[in-house]
Amino acid sequence: MKASRLLVPRLIYESLLSAWDALRSNPLRTTLSLLGVTIGIFAIIAVFTLIDSLERNIRDSLDFLGDQVIRVEKWPWLFQDNYPWWKYVNRPQPTLNEFEFLQANVSQASAMCIFADRSNLTVEHQNSNIGGVNLIGASYQYNQVFEVDINQGRYFSVRETEFAQNVIIIGSEIAKSLFPMSNPLGKVVEVKGLKFVVVGVLTEQGGNIIDAPSADYTSYIPYQSFLKLYASRSRWGVGSTLGLKGFEDDEGLKELEFEVVGLMRGRRGLRPRQDDNFAINRPEAFAEVVNNIFNVISIAGGIIGSFSILVGGFGIANIMFVSVKERTNIIGIQKSLGAKNYFILLQFLFEATFLSLIGGTVGMILVYLATFISIGSLELQLTLPNILIGLIVSSTIGIISGIVPAITASRLNPVVAIRS
């Protein structure tokens, strides 16, 4: 029992020594043979790291869509080439009256808001101005449905939203441009000829890798104030959206969706056989599209990297066959002294695994160094799951590549081996 407990540490120790001897005695040959594993692991883990980083950055960029939120809108989110706009163009926009109706009757929502937006506006302060601003008119509970990260100041009060007071929350880049040397809180800015008092400044977000609205160039005003700017000027209305935040679980969100559909159909007087003349959109639709895209990319990246790994496996097998050939005499002596076949087999199998792990570790180190390279707003990060994948793939390649040479070594005749 004691001898069997000492067997594994002994095998590991001798295999490590053998692997080190192979590296030390023939560094060029071993390095060239391990290069395939290094390149293969680098290719696979680099692809997975890039995909994970892209997916994480895209999801972060889509935070403005909210979590556990459904949106009642005129236009449905359809991810297809030919959008059938003619089916929806004559639908009515959600209105403030419908929002107040849902607010009074919905029981499954934790928070509810109505909002509308306009893009590419100019915000002015005295002789300074900044263009390309996204303006959102939001009701009081907007910050409970969607994330509004305020760095300075505060969100709107109930009184400010209900009485359409001219207050505004501005993005960090707007604040830097209009108030480079002073505190913007309490200062007056002008939007489309209407003056607003700054009550808050958003936390700096930075760039994103998709063309999503940046909080740095976004401003918020009360929804009723937004109506003063646009309600009488637009043929199609302000294009409002109703946002409802459900409770934590997805089942609660489905119940909320069913409840909202029933209430909206009743409010708009739709008959049982009539189609909905409104859309219920959920941010999860974007998440599903993103998942499908990156699953395909992951499979393609894995296939590409597997060819390099295959080459690396041949390199490991070559090292092990040469090692068996060079150590045939030693194997014969070990077997003549009582070494079992499985001992020889495991010794060479461990050695092949260690050599493959060395090549894989070098590949992951190269990936880690690549994460310091700046790729615009994309932040690369080597995660623990990808490191584990690299280690598992390296070990598997080592075992597969070393199994035939190990079996060959274990079956050598001790007498013939000693004479060789």
Protein backbone atom coordinates (compact mmCIF):
# COMPACT_ATOMS: atom_id res chain seq x y z
CA MET A 1 0.00 0.00 0.00
CA LYS A 2 2.80 2.37 0.92
CA ALA A 3 4.68 1.54 -2.31
CA SER A 4 1.58 2.23 -4.41
CA ARG A 5 1.11 5.60 -2.70
CA LEU A 6 4.69 6.53 -3.62
CA LEU A 7 4.32 5.37 -7.22
CA VAL A 8 2.50 8.39 -8.62
CA PRO A 9 4.88 11.01 -7.10
CA ARG A 10 7.80 8.95 -8.34
CA LEU A 11 6.32 8.73 -11.85
CA ILE A 12 5.67 12.46 -11.92
CA TYR A 13 9.17 13.25 -10.68
CA GLU A 14 10.89 10.97 -13.20
CA SER A 15 8.67 12.23 -16.03
CA LEU A 16 9.52 15.84 -15.18
CA LEU A 17 13.21 14.95 -15.21
CA SER A 18 12.83 13.21 -18.57
CA ALA A 19 10.96 16.15 -20.06
CA TRP A 20 13.61 18.54 -18.77
CA ASP A 21 16.40 16.34 -20.15
CA ALA A 22 14.67 16.35 -23.55
CA LEU A 23 14.53 20.14 -23.51
CA ARG A 24 18.08 20.53 -22.26
CA SER A 25 19.79 17.95 -24.46
CA ASN A 26 18.04 18.91 -27.71
CA PRO A 27 16.64 22.43 -27.20
CA LEU A 28 16.26 23.27 -30.89
CA ARG A 29 14.57 20.01 -31.84
CA THR A 30 12.25 20.11 -28.84
CA THR A 31 11.39 23.76 -29.35
CA LEU A 32 10.53 23.24 -33.01
CA SER A 33 8.42 20.21 -32.13
CA LEU A 34 6.56 22.10 -29.39
CA LEU A 35 6.00 25.08 -31.66
CA GLY A 36 2.93 23.43 -33.16
CA VAL A 37 1.30 23.07 -29.73
CA THR A 38 2.26 26.64 -28.84
CA ILE A 39 0.77 28.04 -32.05
CA GLY A 40 -2.33 25.87 -31.76
CA ILE A 41 -3.08 26.84 -28.16
CA PHE A 42 -2.32 30.47 -28.97
CA ALA A 43 -4.75 30.37 -31.92
CA ILE A 44 -7.58 28.73 -29.99
CA ILE A 45 -7.26 30.74 -26.77
CA ALA A 46 -6.66 33.99 -28.68
CA VAL A 47 -9.89 33.43 -30.65
CA PHE A 48 -11.85 32.57 -27.49
CA THR A 49 -10.39 35.57 -25.66
CA LEU A 50 -11.24 37.90 -28.53
CA ILE A 51 -14.78 36.49 -28.76
CA ASP A 52 -15.37 36.74 -25.00
CA SER A 53 -14.03 40.29 -24.94
CA LEU A 54 -16.18 41.31 -27.91
CA GLU A 55 -19.27 39.75 -26.39
CA ARG A 56 -18.63 41.39 -23.01
CA ASN A 57 -18.08 44.80 -24.61
CA ILE A 58 -21.19 44.48 -26.76
CA ARG A 59 -23.30 43.50 -23.76
CA ASP A 60 -21.91 46.44 -21.82
CA SER A 61 -22.73 48.70 -24.75
CA LEU A 62 -26.32 47.41 -24.69
CA ASP A 63 -26.84 48.21 -21.01
CA PHE A 64 -28.93 51.21 -22.04
CA LEU A 65 -31.64 48.72 -23.15
CA GLY A 66 -32.17 47.71 -19.53
CA ASP A 67 -32.35 44.40 -17.68
CA GLN A 68 -35.64 42.56 -17.02
CA VAL A 69 -37.40 45.26 -19.06
CA ILE A 70 -40.12 45.14 -21.69
CA ARG A 71 -40.77 48.03 -24.04
CA VAL A 72 -44.13 48.92 -25.57
CA GLU A 73 -43.45 50.58 -28.92
CA LYS A 74 -44.86 51.15 -32.36
CA TRP A 75 -42.13 49.25 -34.21
CA PRO A 76 -41.20 45.61 -33.39
CA TRP A 77 -37.58 44.52 -33.27
CA LEU A 78 -37.11 42.19 -36.23
CA PHE A 79 -33.63 40.94 -37.16
CA GLN A 80 -34.01 40.33 -40.89
CA ASP A 81 -32.83 41.85 -44.14
CA ASN A 82 -36.12 43.16 -45.51
CA TYR A 83 -37.93 44.90 -42.68
CA PRO A 84 -41.72 44.97 -43.46
CA TRP A 85 -42.18 48.59 -42.45
CA TRP A 86 -45.44 48.90 -44.39
CA LYS A 87 -47.12 46.60 -41.85
CA TYR A 88 -46.41 48.93 -38.96
CA VAL A 89 -46.19 52.45 -40.35
CA ASN A 90 -49.87 53.26 -39.63
CA ARG A 91 -49.78 52.01 -36.06
CA PRO A 92 -50.46 54.66 -33.39
CA GLN A 93 -47.64 55.72 -31.12
CA PRO A 94 -47.89 54.91 -27.38
CA THR A 95 -49.29 57.95 -25.60
CA LEU A 96 -49.10 59.58 -22.20
CA ASN A 97 -52.72 58.60 -21.54
CA GLU A 98 -51.89 54.94 -22.22
CA PHE A 99 -48.92 55.21 -19.90
CA GLU A 100 -51.13 56.59 -17.12
CA PHE A 101 -53.67 53.83 -17.82
CA LEU A 102 -51.01 51.10 -17.49
CA GLN A 103 -49.57 52.81 -14.44
CA ALA A 104 -52.96 52.55 -12.76
CA ASN A 105 -53.69 48.94 -13.77
CA VAL A 106 -50.46 46.93 -14.13
CA SER A 107 -49.66 44.80 -11.08
CA GLN A 108 -46.61 42.81 -12.27
CA ALA A 109 -44.19 45.74 -12.82
CA SER A 110 -41.74 47.02 -10.21
CA ALA A 111 -41.32 50.33 -12.07
CA MET A 112 -42.71 52.01 -15.18
CA CYS A 113 -41.83 55.00 -17.34
CA ILE A 114 -42.56 56.76 -20.60
CA PHE A 115 -39.77 58.31 -22.65
CA ALA A 116 -38.88 59.63 -26.08
CA ASP A 117 -35.64 60.74 -27.68
CA ARG A 118 -34.08 62.76 -30.45
CA SER A 119 -30.52 62.54 -31.74
CA ASN A 120 -27.95 64.89 -33.30
CA LEU A 121 -29.04 67.95 -31.35
CA THR A 122 -26.93 70.93 -30.33
CA VAL A 123 -26.64 72.08 -26.72
CA GLU A 124 -25.46 75.64 -26.13
CA HIS A 125 -24.10 77.68 -23.25
CA GLN A 126 -23.23 81.32 -23.89
CA ASN A 127 -20.69 81.23 -26.77
CA SER A 128 -19.99 77.49 -26.52
CA ASN A 129 -21.94 74.64 -28.07
CA ILE A 130 -21.64 70.92 -28.70
CA GLY A 131 -23.39 68.92 -31.43
CA GLY A 132 -24.30 65.27 -31.85
CA VAL A 133 -26.18 65.16 -28.54
CA ASN A 134 -28.83 62.52 -27.84
CA LEU A 135 -31.76 64.06 -25.90
CA ILE A 136 -34.11 61.84 -23.87
CA GLY A 137 -37.34 63.04 -22.34
CA ALA A 138 -38.05 60.77 -19.38
CA SER A 139 -40.75 60.40 -16.76
CA TYR A 140 -39.98 60.18 -13.05
CA GLN A 141 -39.30 56.42 -12.73
CA TYR A 142 -37.05 56.21 -15.80
CA ASN A 143 -33.96 55.79 -13.61
CA GLN A 144 -35.63 52.80 -11.91
CA VAL A 145 -36.28 51.07 -15.22
CA PHE A 146 -33.03 51.95 -17.00
CA GLU A 147 -29.59 52.75 -15.63
CA VAL A 148 -28.87 56.45 -15.18
CA ASP A 149 -25.46 56.69 -13.51
CA ILE A 150 -25.12 60.21 -12.11
CA ASN A 151 -21.70 61.43 -11.03
CA GLN A 152 -22.63 64.93 -9.88
CA GLY A 153 -25.95 66.33 -8.80
CA ARG A 154 -29.22 64.37 -8.81
CA TYR A 155 -32.07 62.93 -10.84
CA PHE A 156 -35.35 64.78 -11.44
CA SER A 157 -37.84 65.18 -8.61
CA VAL A 158 -41.52 64.23 -8.91
CA ARG A 159 -42.49 67.90 -9.01
CA GLU A 160 -40.03 68.67 -11.83
CA THR A 161 -41.35 65.83 -14.00
CA GLU A 162 -45.05 66.45 -13.34
CA PHE A 163 -44.90 70.22 -13.86
CA ALA A 164 -42.56 70.10 -16.88
CA GLN A 165 -39.87 72.21 -15.28
CA ASN A 166 -36.87 73.06 -17.44
CA VAL A 167 -34.15 71.01 -15.77
CA ILE A 168 -31.56 68.84 -17.50
CA ILE A 169 -29.00 66.12 -16.75
CA ILE A 170 -26.03 66.25 -19.13
CA GLY A 171 -23.36 63.77 -20.20
CA SER A 172 -19.72 64.07 -19.16
CA GLU A 173 -18.48 65.17 -22.61
CA ILE A 174 -21.19 67.83 -22.77
CA ALA A 175 -20.10 69.11 -19.36
CA LYS A 176 -16.43 69.14 -20.39
CA SER A 177 -17.18 71.01 -23.60
CA LEU A 178 -19.53 73.64 -22.19
CA PHE A 179 -18.03 74.03 -18.71
CA PRO A 180 -14.32 73.19 -19.00
CA MET A 181 -13.26 75.30 -16.01
CA SER A 182 -16.36 75.40 -13.80
CA ASN A 183 -18.98 73.28 -12.06
CA PRO A 184 -21.96 72.86 -14.44
CA LEU A 185 -24.53 72.35 -11.66
CA GLY A 186 -26.96 75.25 -11.53
CA LYS A 187 -25.78 76.65 -14.86
CA VAL A 188 -28.14 77.29 -17.78
CA VAL A 189 -27.89 75.55 -21.16
CA GLU A 190 -30.06 76.00 -24.24
CA VAL A 191 -31.67 73.28 -26.37
CA LYS A 192 -33.66 74.29 -29.47
CA GLY A 193 -34.15 77.77 -28.09
CA LEU A 194 -35.42 76.61 -24.67
CA LYS A 195 -33.30 77.18 -21.55
CA PHE A 196 -32.67 74.43 -19.00
CA VAL A 197 -30.96 74.43 -15.60
CA VAL A 198 -28.33 71.69 -15.12
CA VAL A 199 -29.17 69.54 -12.08
CA GLY A 200 -26.92 66.54 -12.78
CA VAL A 201 -23.90 65.24 -14.72
CA LEU A 202 -23.64 61.60 -15.84
CA THR A 203 -20.68 59.39 -15.01
CA GLU A 204 -18.17 59.10 -17.85
CA GLN A 205 -18.77 55.97 -19.88
CA GLY A 206 -16.12 56.04 -22.57
CA GLY A 207 -16.42 54.64 -26.08
CA ASN A 208 -18.16 51.45 -27.15
CA ILE A 209 -17.46 49.12 -30.05
CA ILE A 210 -20.94 49.36 -31.55
CA ASP A 211 -22.84 52.38 -32.73
CA ALA A 212 -24.84 52.62 -29.50
CA PRO A 213 -25.80 55.93 -27.90
CA SER A 214 -23.05 56.98 -25.51
CA ALA A 215 -24.03 58.32 -22.10
CA ASP A 216 -21.21 60.88 -22.50
CA TYR A 217 -23.20 62.64 -25.25
CA THR A 218 -26.66 62.08 -23.75
CA SER A 219 -28.90 64.54 -21.92
CA TYR A 220 -32.11 63.91 -19.98
CA ILE A 221 -35.02 66.29 -19.49
CA PRO A 222 -38.50 65.62 -18.01
CA TYR A 223 -40.89 63.98 -20.45
CA GLN A 224 -43.40 66.83 -20.23
CA SER A 225 -40.61 69.29 -21.04
CA PHE A 226 -39.72 67.14 -24.05
CA LEU A 227 -43.32 67.45 -25.25
CA LYS A 228 -42.99 71.23 -25.18
CA LEU A 229 -40.14 70.93 -27.65
CA TYR A 230 -41.64 68.39 -30.05
CA ALA A 231 -45.34 67.58 -29.54
CA SER A 232 -46.61 70.41 -31.76
CA ARG A 233 -43.80 70.18 -34.33
CA SER A 234 -43.92 66.54 -35.44
CA ARG A 235 -46.43 65.07 -37.85
CA TRP A 236 -46.02 61.61 -36.31
CA GLY A 237 -45.88 62.69 -32.67
CA VAL A 238 -42.87 62.31 -30.44
CA GLY A 239 -42.47 58.56 -30.90
CA SER A 240 -42.77 57.63 -27.24
CA THR A 241 -41.87 54.28 -25.68
CA LEU A 242 -43.31 52.73 -22.54
CA GLY A 243 -40.75 50.94 -20.39
CA LEU A 244 -41.82 48.45 -17.71
CA LYS A 245 -39.38 46.70 -15.40
CA GLY A 246 -40.37 43.28 -14.14
CA PHE A 247 -39.28 41.41 -11.08
CA GLU A 248 -36.14 39.29 -10.87
CA ASP A 249 -37.24 36.02 -12.48
CA ASP A 250 -38.06 35.50 -16.14
CA GLU A 251 -41.43 33.94 -15.35
CA GLY A 252 -42.49 37.21 -13.72
CA LEU A 253 -41.45 39.06 -16.89
CA LYS A 254 -43.63 36.75 -19.01
CA GLU A 255 -46.59 37.41 -16.72
CA LEU A 256 -45.94 41.14 -17.05
CA GLU A 257 -45.84 40.82 -20.83
CA PHE A 258 -49.18 38.94 -20.92
CA GLU A 259 -50.74 41.50 -18.60
CA VAL A 260 -49.53 44.46 -20.67
CA VAL A 261 -50.75 42.88 -23.94
CA GLY A 262 -54.22 42.34 -22.46
CA LEU A 263 -54.47 45.85 -21.05
CA MET A 264 -53.19 47.52 -24.23
CA ARG A 265 -55.59 45.56 -26.44
CA GLY A 266 -58.47 46.50 -24.19
CA ARG A 267 -57.39 50.15 -24.09
CA ARG A 268 -57.18 50.35 -27.89
CA GLY A 269 -60.44 48.47 -28.39
CA LEU A 270 -58.99 45.60 -30.41
CA ARG A 271 -61.29 42.68 -31.18
CA PRO A 272 -60.18 39.10 -30.41
CA ARG A 273 -59.28 38.33 -34.04
CA GLN A 274 -57.46 41.61 -34.67
CA ASP A 275 -53.67 41.68 -34.54
CA ASP A 276 -51.87 43.81 -31.98
CA ASN A 277 -51.26 47.35 -33.21
CA PHE A 278 -48.31 47.75 -30.86
CA ALA A 279 -45.06 45.87 -30.27
CA ILE A 280 -43.70 44.30 -27.10
CA ASN A 281 -39.90 44.32 -27.38
CA ARG A 282 -37.45 42.71 -24.97
CA PRO A 283 -33.66 43.30 -24.80
CA GLU A 284 -33.20 39.53 -24.62
CA ALA A 285 -33.82 39.49 -28.37
CA PHE A 286 -30.49 41.27 -28.87
CA ALA A 287 -28.79 38.87 -26.45
CA GLU A 288 -30.01 35.84 -28.43
CA VAL A 289 -28.72 37.31 -31.69
CA VAL A 290 -25.35 38.07 -30.08
CA ASN A 291 -25.13 34.54 -28.62
CA ASN A 292 -25.90 32.92 -31.98
CA ILE A 293 -23.29 35.01 -33.79
CA PHE A 294 -20.55 34.31 -31.26
CA ASN A 295 -21.38 30.60 -31.04
CA VAL A 296 -20.73 30.31 -34.78
CA ILE A 297 -17.51 32.33 -34.49
CA SER A 298 -16.35 30.15 -31.55
CA ILE A 299 -16.91 26.96 -33.54
CA ALA A 300 -15.07 28.39 -36.55
CA GLY A 301 -12.17 29.56 -34.37
CA GLY A 302 -11.97 26.16 -32.67
CA ILE A 303 -11.81 24.37 -36.02
CA ILE A 304 -9.06 26.68 -37.29
CA GLY A 305 -7.04 26.28 -34.09
CA SER A 306 -7.51 22.49 -34.12
CA PHE A 307 -5.42 22.20 -37.30
CA SER A 308 -2.48 23.85 -35.52
CA ILE A 309 -3.06 21.59 -32.53
CA LEU A 310 -3.00 18.58 -34.85
CA VAL A 311 0.42 19.63 -36.15
CA GLY A 312 1.57 20.12 -32.58
CA GLY A 313 0.40 16.62 -31.71
CA PHE A 314 2.59 15.18 -34.45
CA GLY A 315 5.51 17.14 -33.02
CA ILE A 316 4.95 15.69 -29.53
CA ALA A 317 4.63 12.17 -30.97
CA ASN A 318 7.90 12.66 -32.85
CA ILE A 319 9.70 13.73 -29.66
CA MET A 320 8.37 10.70 -27.79
CA PHE A 321 9.32 8.18 -30.49
CA VAL A 322 12.83 9.64 -30.56
CA SER A 323 12.92 9.53 -26.76
CA VAL A 324 11.90 5.86 -26.74
CA LYS A 325 14.59 5.10 -29.31
CA GLU A 326 17.29 6.92 -27.32
CA ARG A 327 16.30 5.34 -24.00
CA THR A 328 15.69 1.76 -25.16
CA ASN A 329 18.68 0.50 -23.16
CA ILE A 330 17.49 2.28 -20.00
CA ILE A 331 13.99 0.84 -20.45
CA GLY A 332 15.49 -2.65 -20.68
CA ILE A 333 17.46 -2.11 -17.45
CA GLN A 334 14.33 -0.79 -15.68
CA LYS A 335 12.30 -3.81 -16.75
CA SER A 336 15.06 -6.24 -15.78
CA LEU A 337 15.02 -4.69 -12.30
CA GLY A 338 11.28 -5.34 -11.96
CA ALA A 339 9.60 -2.28 -13.49
CA LYS A 340 6.09 -3.16 -14.64
CA ASN A 341 4.77 -2.36 -18.11
CA TYR A 342 2.27 0.16 -16.74
CA PHE A 343 5.10 1.98 -14.95
CA ILE A 344 6.98 2.46 -18.24
CA LEU A 345 3.77 3.40 -20.04
CA LEU A 346 2.76 6.02 -17.46
CA GLN A 347 6.26 7.43 -17.32
CA PHE A 348 6.28 8.20 -21.06
CA LEU A 349 2.64 9.29 -21.01
CA PHE A 350 3.34 11.82 -18.23
CA GLU A 351 6.40 13.02 -20.10
CA ALA A 352 4.37 13.66 -23.26
CA THR A 353 1.72 15.48 -21.22
CA PHE A 354 4.30 17.71 -19.52
CA LEU A 355 5.93 18.58 -22.84
CA SER A 356 2.53 19.47 -24.31
CA LEU A 357 1.68 21.56 -21.23
CA ILE A 358 4.94 23.47 -21.66
CA GLY A 359 4.01 24.33 -25.26
CA GLY A 360 0.46 25.22 -24.24
CA THR A 361 1.63 27.40 -21.35
CA VAL A 362 3.90 29.36 -23.69
CA GLY A 363 0.94 29.84 -26.04
CA MET A 364 -1.25 31.19 -23.20
CA ILE A 365 1.54 33.52 -22.07
CA LEU A 366 1.63 34.93 -25.61
CA VAL A 367 -2.17 35.44 -25.45
CA TYR A 368 -1.80 37.21 -22.10
CA LEU A 369 0.85 39.52 -23.55
CA ALA A 370 -1.45 40.20 -26.52
CA THR A 371 -4.16 41.48 -24.13
CA PHE A 372 -1.97 44.55 -23.47
CA ILE A 373 -2.30 45.59 -27.12
CA SER A 374 -4.81 48.39 -27.51
CA ILE A 375 -7.63 47.71 -30.02
CA GLY A 376 -9.64 50.92 -29.93
CA SER A 377 -12.31 50.75 -27.25
CA LEU A 378 -12.13 46.93 -27.10
CA GLU A 379 -10.57 45.70 -23.86
CA LEU A 380 -9.07 42.21 -24.14
CA GLN A 381 -9.03 40.01 -21.07
CA LEU A 382 -7.72 36.45 -20.63
CA THR A 383 -10.25 34.78 -18.35
CA LEU A 384 -9.86 31.78 -16.05
CA PRO A 385 -12.24 29.56 -18.11
CA ASN A 386 -10.10 30.13 -21.21
CA ILE A 387 -6.94 29.31 -19.24
CA LEU A 388 -8.55 26.06 -18.09
CA ILE A 389 -9.54 25.28 -21.69
CA GLY A 390 -5.93 25.80 -22.75
CA LEU A 391 -4.62 23.49 -20.03
CA ILE A 392 -7.21 20.79 -20.79
CA VAL A 393 -6.56 20.90 -24.55
CA SER A 394 -2.78 20.79 -23.99
CA SER A 395 -3.07 17.81 -21.63
CA THR A 396 -5.39 15.97 -24.01
CA ILE A 397 -3.05 16.49 -26.97
CA GLY A 398 -0.14 15.27 -24.85
CA ILE A 399 -1.98 12.11 -23.86
CA ILE A 400 -3.18 11.37 -27.40
CA SER A 401 0.24 12.05 -28.92
CA GLY A 402 2.14 10.09 -26.29
CA ILE A 403 -0.06 7.02 -25.99
CA VAL A 404 1.41 5.08 -28.97
CA PRO A 405 5.10 5.76 -28.09
CA ALA A 406 4.32 4.92 -24.44
CA ILE A 407 2.70 1.60 -25.39
CA THR A 408 5.66 0.84 -27.67
CA ALA A 409 8.10 1.48 -24.81
CA SER A 410 6.11 -0.61 -22.31
CA ARG A 411 6.05 -3.64 -24.64
CA LEU A 412 9.80 -3.75 -25.28
CA ASN A 413 11.49 -7.05 -24.50
CA PRO A 414 13.98 -6.32 -21.66
CA VAL A 415 16.69 -8.57 -23.10
CA VAL A 416 16.43 -7.10 -26.59
CA ALA A 417 16.24 -3.60 -25.15
CA ILE A 418 19.41 -4.01 -23.05
CA ARG A 419 21.36 -5.33 -26.06
CA SER A 420 20.29 -2.43 -28.31
